[in-house]
């Protein structure tokens, strides 16, 4: 997004515009300008606010200087650097996240990030659907469809996430039962939908843990509260979508059937445009 010499020069829009009242059945979706640019898949809200502050965004022939300006996504045309912004085609991707990557777009410490794996998809403004911490691996979704992403992350939808977890001891019935019962940790009650033993060796074992919520570092915190160290943590499924044999660091597009299957887990959501 480069500066253009053809920016509108007329007086800026600075006043707030509250959402207009609509008659029943009238179409249109209203949002603040930064949110509208995000919904259209053009950039993040933070990036949109920066563009507005730089005087690069215009609406109805006038430069917009207020990030609280309201627009109708369906009927208003937003211009950035003199060029109209159109909605991006929805993109749905899955990555087999390798260990050691940070789930962020920019890391101030200069660590490797998950978006390094998405360089072939740089044309789309993609966001990760939820997070996997640096030491965790496995299935991570990306999309520019904010409604789809929000519905999958909403605790109220209870979309199940399945993890295979290697621990530093042989799991016994007491540990399995304690994990099933849940723990109080850091002022939160952490529980799992299901916990079962996958396999065991002489000194360690693998558990399958299914969560219906996704609190920060939840599995690691639950196991740590039981005196257990996590050796590996791999997310293998979200809803009915499985990681399968996708190689580490590889990205692929979801099929229409896979997207439809995830939408069935969140029946009240629709494309957020």
Protein backbone atom coordinates (compact mmCIF):
# COMPACT_ATOMS: atom_id res chain seq x y z
CA UNK A 1 0.00 0.00 0.00
CA UNK A 2 2.03 2.91 -1.29
CA UNK A 3 1.29 6.60 -1.15
CA UNK A 4 -0.49 7.97 -4.16
CA UNK A 5 -0.34 11.46 -5.65
CA UNK A 6 -4.01 11.17 -6.52
CA UNK A 7 -5.40 11.38 -3.01
CA UNK A 8 -8.59 13.42 -2.55
CA UNK A 9 -7.79 16.92 -1.40
CA UNK A 10 -11.22 18.07 -0.28
CA UNK A 11 -11.98 18.76 3.37
CA UNK A 12 -11.72 15.77 5.70
CA UNK A 13 -14.52 13.87 7.38
CA UNK A 14 -13.97 14.34 11.10
CA UNK A 15 -17.38 13.98 12.73
CA UNK A 16 -18.76 10.79 14.18
CA UNK A 17 -21.59 9.22 12.24
CA UNK A 18 -23.85 7.02 14.40
CA UNK A 19 -25.42 3.92 12.89
CA UNK A 20 -28.45 4.85 10.85
CA UNK A 21 -31.83 3.37 11.78
CA UNK A 22 -33.03 0.99 9.11
CA UNK A 23 -36.51 -0.08 8.19
CA UNK A 24 -37.31 -3.80 8.44
CA UNK A 25 -35.81 -5.77 5.58
CA UNK A 26 -33.44 -2.98 4.54
CA UNK A 27 -30.05 -4.38 3.55
CA UNK A 28 -26.66 -3.16 4.68
CA UNK A 29 -24.09 -3.80 7.37
CA UNK A 30 -22.61 -0.86 9.22
CA UNK A 31 -19.28 -0.73 11.02
CA UNK A 32 -16.62 1.74 11.99
CA UNK A 33 -14.11 2.40 9.22
CA UNK A 34 -11.22 0.37 10.71
CA UNK A 35 -13.52 -2.59 11.32
CA UNK A 36 -14.94 -2.29 7.80
CA UNK A 37 -11.46 -2.43 6.25
CA UNK A 38 -10.73 -5.48 8.40
CA UNK A 39 -13.99 -7.18 7.43
CA UNK A 40 -13.23 -6.55 3.76
CA UNK A 41 -9.93 -8.37 4.23
CA UNK A 42 -7.86 -5.31 3.30
CA UNK A 43 -5.82 -4.99 6.50
CA UNK A 44 -6.05 -5.34 10.27
CA UNK A 45 -7.89 -2.78 12.39
CA UNK A 46 -4.59 -1.47 13.73
CA UNK A 47 -3.21 -1.03 10.23
CA UNK A 48 -6.47 0.65 9.16
CA UNK A 49 -6.22 3.16 12.02
CA UNK A 50 -2.69 3.99 10.90
CA UNK A 51 -3.86 4.52 7.30
CA UNK A 52 -6.62 6.83 8.51
CA UNK A 53 -4.19 8.82 10.65
CA UNK A 54 -1.91 9.22 7.62
CA UNK A 55 -4.78 10.65 5.57
CA UNK A 56 -4.74 7.80 3.06
CA UNK A 57 -8.40 6.75 3.41
CA UNK A 58 -11.32 8.51 1.74
CA UNK A 59 -15.07 8.08 1.62
CA UNK A 60 -17.54 9.84 -0.66
CA UNK A 61 -14.78 11.97 -2.16
CA UNK A 62 -13.39 13.25 1.13
CA UNK A 63 -10.42 12.21 3.24
CA UNK A 64 -11.46 10.55 6.50
CA UNK A 65 -9.54 11.49 9.65
CA UNK A 66 -11.76 9.94 12.33
CA UNK A 67 -11.42 6.21 13.05
CA UNK A 68 -14.95 6.33 14.52
CA UNK A 69 -16.55 7.17 11.18
CA UNK A 70 -19.31 4.70 10.34
CA UNK A 71 -19.71 3.15 6.89
CA UNK A 72 -22.08 0.74 5.22
CA UNK A 73 -19.99 -2.17 3.99
CA UNK A 74 -22.54 -3.17 1.36
CA UNK A 75 -23.22 0.24 -0.18
CA UNK A 76 -20.28 2.56 0.61
CA UNK A 77 -17.05 2.41 -1.36
CA UNK A 78 -13.90 3.01 0.65
CA UNK A 79 -10.78 4.30 -1.08
CA UNK A 80 -7.19 3.81 0.07
CA UNK A 81 -4.54 5.82 -1.77
CA UNK A 82 -7.21 6.69 -4.33
CA UNK A 83 -8.04 3.05 -5.14
CA UNK A 84 -11.35 1.38 -4.24
CA UNK A 85 -11.28 -1.42 -1.68
CA UNK A 86 -13.20 -4.54 -2.64
CA UNK A 87 -13.95 -7.58 -0.50
CA UNK A 88 -11.38 -10.33 -0.81
CA UNK A 89 -12.44 -13.80 -1.80
CA UNK A 90 -12.71 -15.85 1.40
CA UNK A 91 -9.64 -17.98 2.08
CA UNK A 92 -9.49 -20.94 4.46
CA UNK A 93 -6.14 -22.61 5.13
CA UNK A 94 -4.69 -25.19 7.49
CA UNK A 95 -1.05 -25.42 8.60
CA UNK A 96 0.80 -28.18 10.39
CA UNK A 97 2.62 -25.81 12.73
CA UNK A 98 6.15 -26.89 13.59
CA UNK A 99 7.49 -26.47 17.09
CA UNK A 100 9.38 -23.22 17.65
CA UNK A 101 7.17 -20.84 15.66
CA UNK A 102 5.29 -18.00 17.34
CA UNK A 103 1.61 -17.48 16.42
CA UNK A 104 1.82 -13.80 15.56
CA UNK A 105 2.26 -11.65 12.47
CA UNK A 106 5.13 -9.57 13.88
CA UNK A 107 7.45 -10.61 16.69
CA UNK A 108 9.51 -7.85 18.36
CA UNK A 109 12.11 -10.43 19.40
CA UNK A 110 12.66 -11.51 15.82
CA UNK A 111 11.65 -15.12 16.43
CA UNK A 112 10.33 -17.30 13.56
CA UNK A 113 6.57 -16.82 13.07
CA UNK A 114 3.81 -18.98 11.62
CA UNK A 115 3.29 -16.49 8.79
CA UNK A 116 6.72 -17.45 7.45
CA UNK A 117 4.95 -20.62 6.26
CA UNK A 118 2.27 -18.60 4.41
CA UNK A 119 4.45 -16.63 2.02
CA UNK A 120 2.60 -18.07 -1.00
CA UNK A 121 -0.61 -16.54 0.39
CA UNK A 122 0.69 -13.04 1.10
CA UNK A 123 -2.03 -11.55 -1.15
CA UNK A 124 -4.72 -12.27 1.44
CA UNK A 125 -5.07 -10.56 4.81
CA UNK A 126 -5.11 -13.72 6.90
CA UNK A 127 -5.41 -14.15 10.64
CA UNK A 128 -4.77 -17.24 12.71
CA UNK A 129 -7.89 -18.81 14.22
CA UNK A 130 -6.81 -19.05 17.83
CA UNK A 131 -3.24 -19.79 18.83
CA UNK A 132 -0.72 -22.53 19.48
CA UNK A 133 2.13 -21.52 21.77
CA UNK A 134 5.73 -21.61 20.61
CA UNK A 135 6.42 -25.10 21.96
CA UNK A 136 3.20 -26.61 20.58
CA UNK A 137 2.62 -28.21 17.19
CA UNK A 138 -0.12 -29.26 14.86
CA UNK A 139 -3.32 -28.01 13.30
CA UNK A 140 -3.63 -24.23 12.99
CA UNK A 141 -6.27 -22.53 10.84
CA UNK A 142 -5.99 -19.23 8.95
CA UNK A 143 -8.72 -17.22 7.25
CA UNK A 144 -9.76 -13.72 6.17
CA UNK A 145 -13.37 -14.55 7.09
CA UNK A 146 -13.72 -12.87 10.48
CA UNK A 147 -17.22 -14.24 11.16
CA UNK A 148 -16.03 -17.79 10.56
CA UNK A 149 -13.00 -17.29 12.81
CA UNK A 150 -14.95 -15.63 15.63
CA UNK A 151 -17.55 -18.39 15.64
CA UNK A 152 -14.90 -21.12 15.90
CA UNK A 153 -13.19 -19.32 18.78
CA UNK A 154 -16.40 -18.42 20.64
CA UNK A 155 -16.56 -20.54 23.85
CA UNK A 156 -20.34 -20.68 23.46
CA UNK A 157 -20.07 -22.81 20.31
CA UNK A 158 -18.05 -25.54 22.11
CA UNK A 159 -16.15 -26.61 18.98
CA UNK A 160 -13.99 -29.48 20.22
CA UNK A 161 -10.21 -29.36 19.85
CA UNK A 162 -8.28 -32.64 20.11
CA UNK A 163 -4.66 -32.87 21.27
CA UNK A 164 -2.11 -35.67 21.56
CA UNK A 165 0.18 -34.96 24.48
CA UNK A 166 3.38 -36.75 25.49
CA UNK A 167 4.16 -36.50 29.21
CA UNK A 168 7.25 -37.33 31.25
CA UNK A 169 5.74 -40.19 33.24
CA UNK A 170 3.55 -43.23 32.86
CA UNK A 171 -0.05 -42.14 33.21
CA UNK A 172 -2.04 -44.00 35.84
CA UNK A 173 -5.73 -44.00 36.67
CA UNK A 174 -5.23 -41.34 39.36
CA UNK A 175 -3.78 -38.86 36.84
CA UNK A 176 -6.46 -39.59 34.25
CA UNK A 177 -9.20 -39.09 36.83
CA UNK A 178 -7.61 -35.89 38.13
CA UNK A 179 -7.44 -34.47 34.62
CA UNK A 180 -11.05 -35.42 33.98
CA UNK A 181 -12.12 -33.75 37.21
CA UNK A 182 -10.36 -30.50 36.30
CA UNK A 183 -8.13 -28.20 38.33
CA UNK A 184 -8.28 -24.76 39.91
CA UNK A 185 -5.26 -22.82 38.65
CA UNK A 186 -4.45 -19.14 38.40
CA UNK A 187 -7.93 -18.15 39.51
CA UNK A 188 -9.57 -20.24 36.78
CA UNK A 189 -11.21 -23.64 36.73
CA UNK A 190 -9.67 -25.66 33.90
CA UNK A 191 -11.36 -28.80 32.66
CA UNK A 192 -11.25 -31.14 29.69
CA UNK A 193 -14.14 -32.71 27.80
CA UNK A 194 -12.33 -36.06 27.54
CA UNK A 195 -8.98 -37.52 28.64
CA UNK A 196 -7.76 -40.98 27.64
CA UNK A 197 -4.52 -42.94 27.42
CA UNK A 198 -3.22 -43.43 23.88
CA UNK A 199 -0.07 -45.44 24.58
CA UNK A 200 2.70 -45.75 27.12
CA UNK A 201 6.34 -46.69 27.41
CA UNK A 202 8.59 -47.38 30.36
CA UNK A 203 9.13 -43.71 31.25
CA UNK A 204 6.52 -41.67 29.41
CA UNK A 205 3.10 -41.90 27.85
CA UNK A 206 0.77 -40.21 25.37
CA UNK A 207 -2.63 -38.84 26.29
CA UNK A 208 -5.50 -37.75 24.06
CA UNK A 209 -7.11 -34.64 25.53
CA UNK A 210 -10.23 -33.06 24.07
CA UNK A 211 -11.10 -29.48 25.03
CA UNK A 212 -14.39 -27.64 24.53
CA UNK A 213 -12.73 -24.34 25.43
CA UNK A 214 -9.31 -22.90 24.77
CA UNK A 215 -7.88 -20.97 27.68
CA UNK A 216 -4.27 -19.81 27.57
CA UNK A 217 -1.85 -22.78 27.83
CA UNK A 218 -4.72 -24.78 29.31
CA UNK A 219 -3.36 -28.32 28.90
CA UNK A 220 0.11 -27.39 30.13
CA UNK A 221 -1.38 -25.65 33.18
CA UNK A 222 -3.63 -28.61 33.98
CA UNK A 223 -0.78 -31.09 33.78
CA UNK A 224 1.60 -28.83 35.68
CA UNK A 225 -0.95 -28.57 38.49
CA UNK A 226 -0.75 -32.37 38.69
CA UNK A 227 3.05 -32.35 38.79
CA UNK A 228 3.43 -33.54 35.19
CA UNK A 229 5.73 -32.11 32.52
CA UNK A 230 4.66 -31.87 28.87
CA UNK A 231 7.23 -33.23 26.42
CA UNK A 232 5.21 -32.68 23.24
CA UNK A 233 1.80 -31.19 22.52
CA UNK A 234 0.19 -31.64 19.12
CA UNK A 235 -3.28 -30.43 18.07
CA UNK A 236 -4.64 -33.10 15.76
CA UNK A 237 -8.23 -31.98 15.13
CA UNK A 238 -10.67 -29.07 15.31
CA UNK A 239 -14.25 -30.26 15.22
CA UNK A 240 -14.32 -32.92 12.51
CA UNK A 241 -11.31 -31.46 10.69
CA UNK A 242 -8.25 -33.66 11.20
CA UNK A 243 -4.58 -32.82 10.71
CA UNK A 244 -4.07 -36.14 8.93
CA UNK A 245 -0.76 -36.70 7.17
CA UNK A 246 -0.06 -33.05 6.34
CA UNK A 247 3.69 -32.56 6.72
CA UNK A 248 5.16 -30.10 9.20
CA UNK A 249 5.41 -26.56 7.91
CA UNK A 250 3.08 -27.29 4.99
CA UNK A 251 -0.06 -25.28 4.26
CA UNK A 252 -3.08 -26.39 2.25
CA UNK A 253 -6.48 -24.95 1.45
CA UNK A 254 -9.53 -26.44 3.10
CA UNK A 255 -11.99 -28.13 0.79
CA UNK A 256 -15.53 -26.81 0.47
CA UNK A 257 -16.73 -29.87 2.37
CA UNK A 258 -14.29 -29.18 5.22
CA UNK A 259 -15.39 -25.55 5.49
CA UNK A 260 -19.03 -26.64 5.44
CA UNK A 261 -18.30 -29.21 8.16
CA UNK A 262 -16.82 -26.55 10.42
CA UNK A 263 -19.75 -24.24 9.73
CA UNK A 264 -22.10 -26.99 10.91
CA UNK A 265 -20.33 -26.84 14.27
CA UNK A 266 -21.22 -23.14 14.47
CA UNK A 267 -24.74 -23.01 12.99
CA UNK A 268 -25.40 -19.38 13.91
CA UNK A 269 -22.41 -17.95 12.05
CA UNK A 270 -22.22 -16.64 8.52
CA UNK A 271 -19.64 -14.89 6.39
CA UNK A 272 -18.98 -11.64 8.22
CA UNK A 273 -19.33 -9.22 5.30
